[in-house]
C-alpha atoms as a PDB file:
ATOM      1  CA  MET A   1     -37.446 -54.237  12.040  1.00  0.00           C
ATOM      2  CA  SER A   2     -33.998 -54.795  11.887  1.00  0.00           C
ATOM      3  CA  GLU A   3     -33.361 -52.730   8.732  1.00  0.00           C
ATOM      4  CA  ASN A   4     -35.372 -50.055  10.544  1.00  0.00           C
ATOM      5  CA  ASN A   5     -33.400 -49.968  13.648  1.00  0.00           C
ATOM      6  CA  VAL A   6     -30.207 -49.789  11.633  1.00  0.00           C
ATOM      7  CA  ASP A   7     -31.309 -46.637   9.796  1.00  0.00           C
ATOM      8  CA  GLN A   8     -32.345 -44.975  13.150  1.00  0.00           C
ATOM      9  CA  GLN A   9     -28.851 -45.837  14.585  1.00  0.00           C
ATOM     10  CA  VAL A  10     -27.237 -44.698  11.523  1.00  0.00           C
ATOM     11  CA  GLN A  11     -28.871 -41.408  10.998  1.00  0.00           C
ATOM     12  CA  PRO A  12     -27.249 -39.451  13.880  1.00  0.00           C
ATOM     13  CA  VAL A  13     -23.946 -40.892  13.159  1.00  0.00           C
ATOM     14  CA  GLN A  14     -24.299 -39.583   9.573  1.00  0.00           C
ATOM     15  CA  THR A  15     -25.683 -35.886  11.214  1.00  0.00           C
ATOM     16  CA  ALA A  16     -22.774 -35.886  13.451  1.00  0.00           C
ATOM     17  CA  GLN A  17     -20.476 -36.381  10.534  1.00  0.00           C
ATOM     18  CA  GLN A  18     -21.840 -33.667   8.110  1.00  0.00           C
ATOM     19  CA  VAL A  19     -21.766 -31.206  11.095  1.00  0.00           C
ATOM     20  CA  GLN A  20     -18.280 -31.939  12.360  1.00  0.00           C
ATOM     21  CA  PRO A  21     -16.155 -30.442   9.512  1.00  0.00           C
ATOM     22  CA  ALA A  22     -18.132 -27.138   9.509  1.00  0.00           C
ATOM     23  CA  GLU A  23     -17.537 -26.868  13.371  1.00  0.00           C
ATOM     24  CA  THR A  24     -14.048 -27.606  12.952  1.00  0.00           C
ATOM     25  CA  ILE A  25     -13.424 -24.996  10.155  1.00  0.00           C
ATOM     26  CA  GLN A  26     -15.347 -22.153  12.460  1.00  0.00           C
ATOM     27  CA  GLN A  27     -13.245 -23.277  15.677  1.00  0.00           C
ATOM     28  CA  ALA A  28     -10.060 -23.024  13.141  1.00  0.00           C
ATOM     29  CA  GLN A  29     -10.964 -19.556  11.789  1.00  0.00           C
ATOM     30  CA  GLU A  30     -11.606 -18.421  15.411  1.00  0.00           C
ATOM     31  CA  ALA A  31      -8.348 -19.683  16.661  1.00  0.00           C
ATOM     32  CA  GLN A  32      -6.433 -18.277  13.596  1.00  0.00           C
ATOM     33  CA  PRO A  33      -5.029 -14.748  14.877  1.00  0.00           C
ATOM     34  CA  ALA A  34      -6.168 -11.738  13.012  1.00  0.00           C
ATOM     35  CA  ALA A  35      -4.048 -10.420  10.000  1.00  0.00           C
ATOM     36  CA  ALA A  36      -1.648  -7.683  11.352  1.00  0.00           C
ATOM     37  CA  ALA A  37      -1.999  -4.431   9.684  1.00  0.00           C
ATOM     38  CA  PRO A  38       0.542  -3.736   7.078  1.00  0.00           C
ATOM     39  CA  LYS A  39       3.385  -1.341   8.477  1.00  0.00           C
ATOM     40  CA  LYS A  40       3.552   1.798   7.144  1.00  0.00           C
ATOM     41  CA  ARG A  41       7.101   2.911   5.590  1.00  0.00           C
ATOM     42  CA  VAL A  42       8.965   5.642   7.038  1.00  0.00           C
ATOM     43  CA  ARG A  43       8.989   8.894   4.820  1.00  0.00           C
ATOM     44  CA  VAL A  44      12.419  10.300   5.944  1.00  0.00           C
ATOM     45  CA  GLY A  45      11.708  13.497   3.697  1.00  0.00           C
ATOM     46  CA  PHE A  46       8.888  14.789   5.755  1.00  0.00           C
ATOM     47  CA  ILE A  47      11.453  14.312   8.805  1.00  0.00           C
ATOM     48  CA  PHE A  48      13.573  16.858   7.348  1.00  0.00           C
ATOM     49  CA  LEU A  49      10.946  19.041   6.260  1.00  0.00           C
ATOM     50  CA  SER A  50       9.788  19.533  10.018  1.00  0.00           C
ATOM     51  CA  ILE A  51      12.861  21.562  10.279  1.00  0.00           C
ATOM     52  CA  VAL A  52      12.018  23.962   7.850  1.00  0.00           C
ATOM     53  CA  PRO A  53       9.148  25.864   9.548  1.00  0.00           C
ATOM     54  CA  VAL A  54      11.619  26.470  12.523  1.00  0.00           C
ATOM     55  CA  ALA A  55      14.138  27.893   9.920  1.00  0.00           C
ATOM     56  CA  ALA A  56      11.311  30.197   8.601  1.00  0.00           C
ATOM     57  CA  LEU A  57      10.365  31.228  12.082  1.00  0.00           C
ATOM     58  CA  ILE A  58      14.110  32.035  12.958  1.00  0.00           C
ATOM     59  CA  GLY A  59      14.388  33.893   9.846  1.00  0.00           C
ATOM     60  CA  ILE A  60      11.063  36.088  10.272  1.00  0.00           C
ATOM     61  CA  GLN A  61      12.334  37.055  13.440  1.00  0.00           C
ATOM     62  CA  SER A  62      15.752  38.055  12.101  1.00  0.00           C
ATOM     63  CA  VAL A  63      14.401  39.916   9.022  1.00  0.00           C
ATOM     64  CA  THR A  64      11.491  42.148  10.835  1.00  0.00           C
ATOM     65  CA  GLN A  65      14.322  43.196  13.421  1.00  0.00           C
ATOM     66  CA  ILE A  66      16.597  44.427  10.686  1.00  0.00           C
ATOM     67  CA  PRO A  67      14.601  48.051   9.923  1.00  0.00           C
ATOM     68  CA  PHE A  68      14.723  48.528  13.517  1.00  0.00           C
ATOM     69  CA  LEU A  69      18.465  47.888  14.164  1.00  0.00           C
ATOM     70  CA  ILE A  70      19.205  50.172  11.285  1.00  0.00           C
ATOM     71  CA  LYS A  71      17.158  52.724  12.757  1.00  0.00           C
ATOM     72  CA  ALA A  72      18.829  52.444  16.189  1.00  0.00           C
ATOM     73  CA  ILE A  73      22.271  52.718  14.302  1.00  0.00           C
ATOM     74  CA  PHE A  74      21.366  56.124  12.991  1.00  0.00           C
ATOM     75  CA  ASP A  75      20.073  57.024  16.348  1.00  0.00           C
ATOM     76  CA  LEU A  76      23.427  56.002  17.736  1.00  0.00           C
ATOM     77  CA  ASN A  77      25.303  57.992  15.245  1.00  0.00           C
ATOM     78  CA  SER A  78      23.409  60.883  15.782  1.00  0.00           C
ATOM     79  CA  GLY A  79      24.191  61.116  19.585  1.00  0.00           C
ATOM     80  CA  ALA A  80      27.500  61.278  21.234  1.00  0.00           C
ATOM     81  CA  ALA A  81      28.547  57.310  21.011  1.00  0.00           C
ATOM     82  CA  SER A  82      31.474  56.282  23.019  1.00  0.00           C
ATOM     83  CA  GLY A  83      34.657  54.916  21.120  1.00  0.00           C
ATOM     84  CA  ASP A  84      34.739  51.781  22.927  1.00  0.00           C
ATOM     85  CA  PRO A  85      33.117  49.041  20.905  1.00  0.00           C
ATOM     86  CA  PHE A  86      31.539  47.421  23.814  1.00  0.00           C
ATOM     87  CA  ALA A  87      30.255  50.491  25.000  1.00  0.00           C
ATOM     88  CA  VAL A  88      28.643  51.163  21.467  1.00  0.00           C
ATOM     89  CA  GLY A  89      27.174  47.721  21.317  1.00  0.00           C
ATOM     90  CA  GLU A  90      25.520  48.337  24.657  1.00  0.00           C
ATOM     91  CA  GLU A  91      24.198  51.708  23.683  1.00  0.00           C
ATOM     92  CA  LEU A  92      22.763  50.411  20.463  1.00  0.00           C
ATOM     93  CA  LEU A  93      21.169  47.383  22.251  1.00  0.00           C
ATOM     94  CA  GLU A  94      19.477  49.910  24.846  1.00  0.00           C
ATOM     95  CA  ILE A  95      18.471  52.407  22.068  1.00  0.00           C
ATOM     96  CA  PHE A  96      16.725  49.332  20.369  1.00  0.00           C
ATOM     97  CA  ASN A  97      14.993  47.628  23.425  1.00  0.00           C
ATOM     98  CA  THR A  98      13.737  51.067  24.416  1.00  0.00           C
ATOM     99  CA  ARG A  99      12.415  52.440  21.339  1.00  0.00           C
ATOM    100  CA  TYR A 100      11.570  49.763  19.041  1.00  0.00           C
ATOM    101  CA  ALA A 101      12.095  46.549  20.455  1.00  0.00           C
ATOM    102  CA  VAL A 102       7.635  46.632  21.006  1.00  0.00           C
ATOM    103  CA  TYR A 103       7.686  47.312  17.173  1.00  0.00           C
ATOM    104  CA  ALA A 104      10.040  44.640  16.196  1.00  0.00           C
ATOM    105  CA  TYR A 105       8.498  41.839  18.069  1.00  0.00           C
ATOM    106  CA  LEU A 106       4.810  42.919  17.447  1.00  0.00           C
ATOM    107  CA  LEU A 107       5.863  42.983  13.523  1.00  0.00           C
ATOM    108  CA  TYR A 108       7.549  39.684  13.962  1.00  0.00           C
ATOM    109  CA  ALA A 109       4.368  38.191  15.701  1.00  0.00           C
ATOM    110  CA  VAL A 110       1.903  39.228  13.272  1.00  0.00           C
ATOM    111  CA  ILE A 111       3.705  38.193  10.196  1.00  0.00           C
ATOM    112  CA  GLY A 112       4.602  34.906  11.959  1.00  0.00           C
ATOM    113  CA  LEU A 113       0.877  34.604  12.809  1.00  0.00           C
ATOM    114  CA  ILE A 114      -0.162  35.084   9.300  1.00  0.00           C
ATOM    115  CA  VAL A 115       2.473  32.842   7.355  1.00  0.00           C
ATOM    116  CA  PHE A 116       2.238  29.601  10.241  1.00  0.00           C
ATOM    117  CA  GLY A 117      -1.445  30.014  10.490  1.00  0.00           C
ATOM    118  CA  LEU A 118      -2.181  29.944   6.508  1.00  0.00           C
ATOM    119  CA  TRP A 119       0.300  27.182   6.493  1.00  0.00           C
ATOM    120  CA  TYR A 120      -0.941  25.106   9.298  1.00  0.00           C
ATOM    121  CA  TYR A 121      -4.463  25.421   7.951  1.00  0.00           C
ATOM    122  CA  LEU A 122      -4.111  24.815   4.503  1.00  0.00           C
ATOM    123  CA  GLY A 123      -1.523  21.901   4.973  1.00  0.00           C
ATOM    124  CA  PHE A 124      -3.015  20.108   7.958  1.00  0.00           C
ATOM    125  CA  VAL A 125      -6.272  21.212   8.900  1.00  0.00           C
ATOM    126  CA  LYS A 126      -8.517  22.115   5.953  1.00  0.00           C
ATOM    127  CA  LYS A 127      -8.672  18.536   4.442  1.00  0.00           C
ATOM    128  CA  ASN A 128      -9.208  16.669   7.876  1.00  0.00           C
ATOM    129  CA  PRO A 129     -11.820  16.335  10.374  1.00  0.00           C
ATOM    130  CA  LYS A 130     -12.344  19.439  12.872  1.00  0.00           C
ATOM    131  CA  VAL A 131     -11.543  18.741  16.592  1.00  0.00           C
ATOM    132  CA  ARG A 132     -13.935  20.545  18.413  1.00  0.00           C
ATOM    133  CA  ILE A 133     -13.255  22.516  21.755  1.00  0.00           C
ATOM    134  CA  LYS A 134     -15.727  20.282  23.670  1.00  0.00           C
ATOM    135  CA  GLU A 135     -13.802  17.325  22.358  1.00  0.00           C
ATOM    136  CA  VAL A 136     -10.931  18.173  23.921  1.00  0.00           C
ATOM    137  CA  PHE A 137     -11.537  20.113  27.163  1.00  0.00           C
ATOM    138  CA  GLY A 138     -12.643  18.366  30.234  1.00  0.00           C
ATOM    139  CA  VAL A 139     -12.289  18.010  33.737  1.00  0.00           C
ATOM    140  CA  LYS A 140      -9.259  15.730  33.105  1.00  0.00           C
ATOM    141  CA  SER A 141      -7.583  17.619  30.532  1.00  0.00           C
ATOM    142  CA  ILE A 142      -7.920  20.941  32.299  1.00  0.00           C
ATOM    143  CA  LEU A 143      -6.371  19.278  35.026  1.00  0.00           C
ATOM    144  CA  ALA A 144      -3.517  18.134  32.914  1.00  0.00           C
ATOM    145  CA  VAL A 145      -2.618  21.285  31.708  1.00  0.00           C
ATOM    146  CA  ILE A 146      -2.635  22.907  35.412  1.00  0.00           C
ATOM    147  CA  GLY A 147      -0.337  19.963  35.791  1.00  0.00           C
ATOM    148  CA  VAL A 148       1.893  20.417  33.463  1.00  0.00           C
ATOM    149  CA  VAL A 149       2.253  23.894  34.047  1.00  0.00           C
ATOM    150  CA  ILE A 150       2.956  24.057  37.799  1.00  0.00           C
ATOM    151  CA  GLY A 151       4.972  20.814  37.658  1.00  0.00           C
ATOM    152  CA  LEU A 152       7.514  22.139  34.888  1.00  0.00           C
ATOM    153  CA  GLN A 153       7.729  25.542  36.545  1.00  0.00           C
ATOM    154  CA  PHE A 154       8.688  24.123  40.026  1.00  0.00           C
ATOM    155  CA  LEU A 155      11.055  21.335  38.447  1.00  0.00           C
ATOM    156  CA  ILE A 156      12.685  24.336  36.302  1.00  0.00           C
ATOM    157  CA  ASN A 157      13.020  26.406  39.359  1.00  0.00           C
ATOM    158  CA  ALA A 158      14.889  23.469  41.157  1.00  0.00           C
ATOM    159  CA  ALA A 159      16.959  22.943  37.993  1.00  0.00           C
ATOM    160  CA  PHE A 160      18.288  26.301  37.980  1.00  0.00           C
ATOM    161  CA  VAL A 161      19.221  26.415  41.786  1.00  0.00           C
ATOM    162  CA  ILE A 162      21.401  23.262  40.941  1.00  0.00           C
ATOM    163  CA  ALA A 163      22.631  24.864  37.370  1.00  0.00           C
ATOM    164  CA  PHE A 164      23.901  27.992  39.386  1.00  0.00           C
ATOM    165  CA  TRP A 165      25.885  25.750  41.654  1.00  0.00           C
ATOM    166  CA  VAL A 166      27.425  23.549  38.960  1.00  0.00           C
ATOM    167  CA  PHE A 167      27.592  26.117  36.255  1.00  0.00           C
ATOM    168  CA  PRO A 168      27.601  29.753  37.525  1.00  0.00           C
ATOM    169  CA  ASP A 169      29.240  31.174  34.685  1.00  0.00           C
ATOM    170  CA  THR A 170      26.762  29.685  32.139  1.00  0.00           C
ATOM    171  CA  MET A 171      23.785  30.852  34.256  1.00  0.00           C
ATOM    172  CA  ASN A 172      25.000  34.347  34.596  1.00  0.00           C
ATOM    173  CA  ASN A 173      25.521  34.999  31.059  1.00  0.00           C
ATOM    174  CA  TYR A 174      21.893  33.327  30.583  1.00  0.00           C
ATOM    175  CA  VAL A 175      20.648  35.952  32.873  1.00  0.00           C
ATOM    176  CA  GLU A 176      22.242  38.647  31.092  1.00  0.00           C
ATOM    177  CA  LEU A 177      21.233  37.539  27.730  1.00  0.00           C
ATOM    178  CA  MET A 178      17.727  37.553  29.013  1.00  0.00           C
ATOM    179  CA  LYS A 179      17.909  40.883  30.445  1.00  0.00           C
ATOM    180  CA  ALA A 180      19.510  42.153  26.914  1.00  0.00           C
ATOM    181  CA  SER A 181      16.777  40.694  24.992  1.00  0.00           C
ATOM    182  CA  GLY A 182      14.380  43.756  26.496  1.00  0.00           C
ATOM    183  CA  LEU A 183      11.540  41.120  27.344  1.00  0.00           C
ATOM    184  CA  MET A 184      12.138  41.303  30.844  1.00  0.00           C
ATOM    185  CA  ASP A 185      12.144  45.106  31.167  1.00  0.00           C
ATOM    186  CA  ASN A 186       9.075  46.177  28.727  1.00  0.00           C
ATOM    187  CA  PRO A 187       5.746  45.238  30.222  1.00  0.00           C
ATOM    188  CA  LEU A 188       4.270  45.741  26.970  1.00  0.00           C
ATOM    189  CA  ILE A 189       6.400  43.190  25.329  1.00  0.00           C
ATOM    190  CA  THR A 190       6.161  40.977  28.041  1.00  0.00           C
ATOM    191  CA  ILE A 191       2.091  40.844  27.729  1.00  0.00           C
ATOM    192  CA  LEU A 192       1.413  41.105  24.233  1.00  0.00           C
ATOM    193  CA  TYR A 193       4.572  38.906  22.773  1.00  0.00           C
ATOM    194  CA  GLY A 194       5.640  36.866  25.834  1.00  0.00           C
ATOM    195  CA  ILE A 195       2.389  35.823  27.224  1.00  0.00           C
ATOM    196  CA  LEU A 196      -0.370  36.197  24.235  1.00  0.00           C
ATOM    197  CA  LEU A 197       0.998  36.252  20.964  1.00  0.00           C
ATOM    198  CA  GLY A 198       4.151  34.352  21.217  1.00  0.00           C
ATOM    199  CA  PRO A 199       2.776  31.223  22.671  1.00  0.00           C
ATOM    200  CA  VAL A 200       0.220  31.131  19.714  1.00  0.00           C
ATOM    201  CA  LEU A 201       2.827  31.707  17.151  1.00  0.00           C
ATOM    202  CA  GLU A 202       5.013  29.097  18.550  1.00  0.00           C
ATOM    203  CA  GLU A 203       2.362  26.389  19.078  1.00  0.00           C
ATOM    204  CA  LEU A 204       1.506  27.045  15.247  1.00  0.00           C
ATOM    205  CA  CYS A 205       4.930  26.595  14.441  1.00  0.00           C
ATOM    206  CA  LEU A 206       6.091  23.526  16.186  1.00  0.00           C
ATOM    207  CA  ARG A 207       2.887  21.673  17.545  1.00  0.00           C
ATOM    208  CA  GLY A 208       1.183  22.599  14.125  1.00  0.00           C
ATOM    209  CA  VAL A 209       3.333  22.449  11.172  1.00  0.00           C
ATOM    210  CA  CYS A 210       6.318  20.726  12.552  1.00  0.00           C
ATOM    211  CA  PHE A 211       4.472  18.218  14.338  1.00  0.00           C
ATOM    212  CA  GLY A 212       2.110  17.763  10.919  1.00  0.00           C
ATOM    213  CA  PHE A 213       5.185  16.971   8.865  1.00  0.00           C
ATOM    214  CA  LEU A 214       6.511  14.448  11.427  1.00  0.00           C
ATOM    215  CA  GLU A 215       2.993  12.880  11.538  1.00  0.00           C
ATOM    216  CA  LYS A 216       3.370  12.465   7.841  1.00  0.00           C
ATOM    217  CA  SER A 217       6.704  10.602   8.006  1.00  0.00           C
ATOM    218  CA  ASN A 218       5.028   7.679  10.040  1.00  0.00           C
ATOM    219  CA  ILE A 219       7.509   7.285  12.572  1.00  0.00           C
ATOM    220  CA  LYS A 220       6.361   6.131  16.058  1.00  0.00           C
ATOM    221  CA  PRO A 221       4.535   9.018  18.493  1.00  0.00           C
ATOM    222  CA  PHE A 222       7.288   8.787  20.629  1.00  0.00           C
ATOM    223  CA  PHE A 223       9.697  10.191  18.017  1.00  0.00           C
ATOM    224  CA  ILE A 224       7.190  12.481  16.885  1.00  0.00           C
ATOM    225  CA  ILE A 225       7.093  14.114  20.660  1.00  0.00           C
ATOM    226  CA  LEU A 226      11.141  13.828  20.935  1.00  0.00           C
ATOM    227  CA  ILE A 227      11.870  15.639  17.772  1.00  0.00           C
ATOM    228  CA  SER A 228       9.393  18.348  17.983  1.00  0.00           C
ATOM    229  CA  GLY A 229      10.528  19.198  21.523  1.00  0.00           C
ATOM    230  CA  ILE A 230      14.290  19.326  20.557  1.00  0.00           C
ATOM    231  CA  LEU A 231      13.214  21.566  17.694  1.00  0.00           C
ATOM    232  CA  PHE A 232      11.293  23.663  19.880  1.00  0.00           C
ATOM    233  CA  GLY A 233      14.708  24.001  22.035  1.00  0.00           C
ATOM    234  CA  ILE A 234      16.682  24.954  19.138  1.00  0.00           C
ATOM    235  CA  MET A 235      14.355  27.478  18.030  1.00  0.00           C
ATOM    236  CA  HIS A 236      15.255  29.561  21.637  1.00  0.00           C
ATOM    237  CA  MET A 237      18.862  29.508  20.290  1.00  0.00           C
ATOM    238  CA  ASN A 238      20.530  29.525  23.299  1.00  0.00           C
ATOM    239  CA  LEU A 239      21.742  26.564  25.690  1.00  0.00           C
ATOM    240  CA  VAL A 240      20.072  26.860  28.993  1.00  0.00           C
ATOM    241  CA  GLN A 241      16.471  28.303  27.604  1.00  0.00           C
ATOM    242  CA  GLY A 242      16.786  25.652  24.854  1.00  0.00           C
ATOM    243  CA  ILE A 243      17.101  22.752  27.440  1.00  0.00           C
ATOM    244  CA  TYR A 244      14.023  23.635  29.551  1.00  0.00           C
ATOM    245  CA  ALA A 245      12.098  24.477  26.250  1.00  0.00           C
ATOM    246  CA  SER A 246      12.653  21.129  25.273  1.00  0.00           C
ATOM    247  CA  VAL A 247      11.470  19.535  28.441  1.00  0.00           C
ATOM    248  CA  LEU A 248       8.442  21.859  28.010  1.00  0.00           C
ATOM    249  CA  GLY A 249       8.218  20.893  24.275  1.00  0.00           C
ATOM    250  CA  PHE A 250       7.658  17.058  25.210  1.00  0.00           C
ATOM    251  CA  PHE A 251       5.106  17.533  27.314  1.00  0.00           C
ATOM    252  CA  LEU A 252       3.134  19.949  25.044  1.00  0.00           C
ATOM    253  CA  GLY A 253       3.893  17.268  22.318  1.00  0.00           C
ATOM    254  CA  PHE A 254       2.681  14.644  24.495  1.00  0.00           C
ATOM    255  CA  LEU A 255      -0.506  16.983  25.044  1.00  0.00           C
ATOM    256  CA  ARG A 256      -0.857  17.666  21.505  1.00  0.00           C
ATOM    257  CA  TYR A 257      -0.596  13.998  20.470  1.00  0.00           C
ATOM    258  CA  LYS A 258      -3.377  12.799  22.911  1.00  0.00           C
ATOM    259  CA  TYR A 259      -5.892  15.280  22.178  1.00  0.00           C
ATOM    260  CA  ARG A 260      -5.385  15.779  18.516  1.00  0.00           C
ATOM    261  CA  SER A 261      -5.677  19.479  18.937  1.00  0.00           C
ATOM    262  CA  LEU A 262      -3.191  22.931  19.286  1.00  0.00           C
ATOM    263  CA  LYS A 263      -6.050  24.187  21.323  1.00  0.00           C
ATOM    264  CA  ILE A 264      -4.982  22.395  24.405  1.00  0.00           C
ATOM    265  CA  THR A 265      -1.252  23.217  23.914  1.00  0.00           C
ATOM    266  CA  VAL A 266      -2.002  26.879  23.350  1.00  0.00           C
ATOM    267  CA  ALA A 267      -3.803  27.255  26.574  1.00  0.00           C
ATOM    268  CA  ALA A 268      -0.620  25.373  28.603  1.00  0.00           C
ATOM    269  CA  HIS A 269       1.929  27.456  26.570  1.00  0.00           C
ATOM    270  CA  ILE A 270      -0.037  30.793  27.409  1.00  0.00           C
ATOM    271  CA  LEU A 271      -0.491  29.611  31.183  1.00  0.00           C
ATOM    272  CA  PHE A 272       3.109  28.593  31.373  1.00  0.00           C
ATOM    273  CA  ASN A 273       4.515  31.861  30.286  1.00  0.00           C
ATOM    274  CA  LEU A 274       2.197  33.593  32.373  1.00  0.00           C
ATOM    275  CA  MET A 275       2.987  31.649  35.555  1.00  0.00           C
ATOM    276  CA  GLY A 276       6.955  31.989  34.352  1.00  0.00           C
ATOM    277  CA  THR A 277       6.667  35.810  34.394  1.00  0.00           C
ATOM    278  CA  TYR A 278       4.332  36.556  37.148  1.00  0.00           C
ATOM    279  CA  GLY A 279       4.301  33.369  39.344  1.00  0.00           C
ATOM    280  CA  ASP A 280       7.882  33.549  39.780  1.00  0.00           C
ATOM    281  CA  GLN A 281       7.546  37.142  41.259  1.00  0.00           C
ATOM    282  CA  LEU A 282       5.344  36.004  43.456  1.00  0.00           C
ATOM    283  CA  ILE A 283       7.550  32.841  44.620  1.00  0.00           C
ATOM    284  CA  SER A 284      10.693  35.207  44.770  1.00  0.00           C
ATOM    285  CA  GLU A 285       8.932  37.413  47.345  1.00  0.00           C
ATOM    286  CA  LEU A 286       8.247  34.304  49.743  1.00  0.00           C
ATOM    287  CA  ASN A 287      12.187  34.280  50.013  1.00  0.00           C
ATOM    288  CA  LEU A 288      12.043  30.448  49.811  1.00  0.00           C
ATOM    289  CA  PRO A 289      15.632  28.696  50.876  1.00  0.00           C
ATOM    290  CA  GLU A 290      17.123  26.603  47.923  1.00  0.00           C
ATOM    291  CA  GLY A 291      16.271  23.743  49.967  1.00  0.00           C
ATOM    292  CA  GLY A 292      12.846  24.306  49.623  1.00  0.00           C
ATOM    293  CA  THR A 293      12.829  25.045  46.178  1.00  0.00           C
ATOM    294  CA  LEU A 294      14.582  21.689  45.450  1.00  0.00           C
ATOM    295  CA  ILE A 295      11.879  19.928  47.848  1.00  0.00           C
ATOM    296  CA  LEU A 296       9.247  21.601  45.530  1.00  0.00           C
ATOM    297  CA  GLY A 297      11.210  20.538  42.286  1.00  0.00           C
ATOM    298  CA  GLY A 298      10.924  16.532  43.721  1.00  0.00           C
ATOM    299  CA  LEU A 299       7.479  16.990  44.500  1.00  0.00           C
ATOM    300  CA  SER A 300       7.025  18.145  41.242  1.00  0.00           C
ATOM    301  CA  LEU A 301       8.043  15.079  39.467  1.00  0.00           C
ATOM    302  CA  PHE A 302       5.156  13.048  41.373  1.00  0.00           C
ATOM    303  CA  VAL A 303       2.738  16.030  39.932  1.00  0.00           C
ATOM    304  CA  LEU A 304       4.060  15.614  36.267  1.00  0.00           C
ATOM    305  CA  ALA A 305       3.712  11.610  36.708  1.00  0.00           C
ATOM    306  CA  PHE A 306       0.273  11.839  37.908  1.00  0.00           C
ATOM    307  CA  THR A 307      -0.377  14.310  34.845  1.00  0.00           C
ATOM    308  CA  VAL A 308       0.459  11.671  32.423  1.00  0.00           C
ATOM    309  CA  ILE A 309      -1.615   8.863  34.404  1.00  0.00           C
ATOM    310  CA  LEU A 310      -4.673  11.418  34.079  1.00  0.00           C
ATOM    311  CA  VAL A 311      -4.358  12.063  30.571  1.00  0.00           C
ATOM    312  CA  ASN A 312      -3.961   8.310  29.581  1.00  0.00           C
ATOM    313  CA  GLY A 313      -7.175   7.401  31.574  1.00  0.00           C
ATOM    314  CA  ASP A 314      -8.880  10.375  29.881  1.00  0.00           C
ATOM    315  CA  ASN A 315     -11.884   9.510  27.444  1.00  0.00           C
ATOM    316  CA  LYS A 316     -11.086  12.348  25.368  1.00  0.00           C
ATOM    317  CA  ALA A 317      -7.565  11.367  24.748  1.00  0.00           C
ATOM    318  CA  ARG A 318      -6.211   8.832  22.102  1.00  0.00           C
ATOM    319  CA  LYS A 319      -5.895   5.390  23.812  1.00  0.00           C
ATOM    320  CA  GLU A 320      -2.740   4.394  21.774  1.00  0.00           C
ATOM    321  CA  PRO A 321       0.424   4.574  23.599  1.00  0.00           C
ATOM    322  CA  ALA A 322       2.595   7.868  22.966  1.00  0.00           C
END
């Protein structure tokens, strides 16, 4: 009987001794932190490659204008041109803008769309998973586009008021430059290029090819958005427009990263240019005082902050921080 009692008392101890090591191992494995993913090496070459599309876009624009400028020079020589070189330059620019600017901008847009459309598709879309429209557009993403457009328009208007106070000569020179470009005086150029074709072309170049190269460089999303925005500003080739274009580029880059598609940035860019062209005209007719413009600019900061929060909470957007 004593031996049976000993066996009955020892057996549970032996079972506990057999189970304990397995539980200890399992607990140790659960307590051990998961192995971190290997850090990707930054590929600097792709950062430099992101500059190439901007240079190519500027080059296409310059080359496509040359034949029309030459034709304008012949037209100027056949007329009674003034001997004053400044007057000659103004006459040449007027001939180009009134007679040939439409054709120059359209040729530039068509060639650019072909070049960058093929570049973006073959280099960054063809072998990657397609992002469908329903994966991008929803209530929150549409509200985000509207928030970015309205917020930036009022913010830029307020910034212009301050800039005219602080840098009046620079701002007056900018206004004259925009008038000389012919974009403001020709409704056909404004609609076809400024509102429709231009935004698509610029998005293919900046948020398409440039952004694609920057993503391949393995730098952090913040720097991808920052660099692509700065390149967007440089592309405009003048200081004032370059500054606010960079700010627009940062928000478009944010939308591009979060929604992984050009569809939403093209929509935002077209709407921004549309509001900047015709919305500003409607606002100017209201004859708002400068103080009112500044107040709206301050309120726009809250609109933009809300937009960022809205995008980060959208189920269609990436969850990783930008």
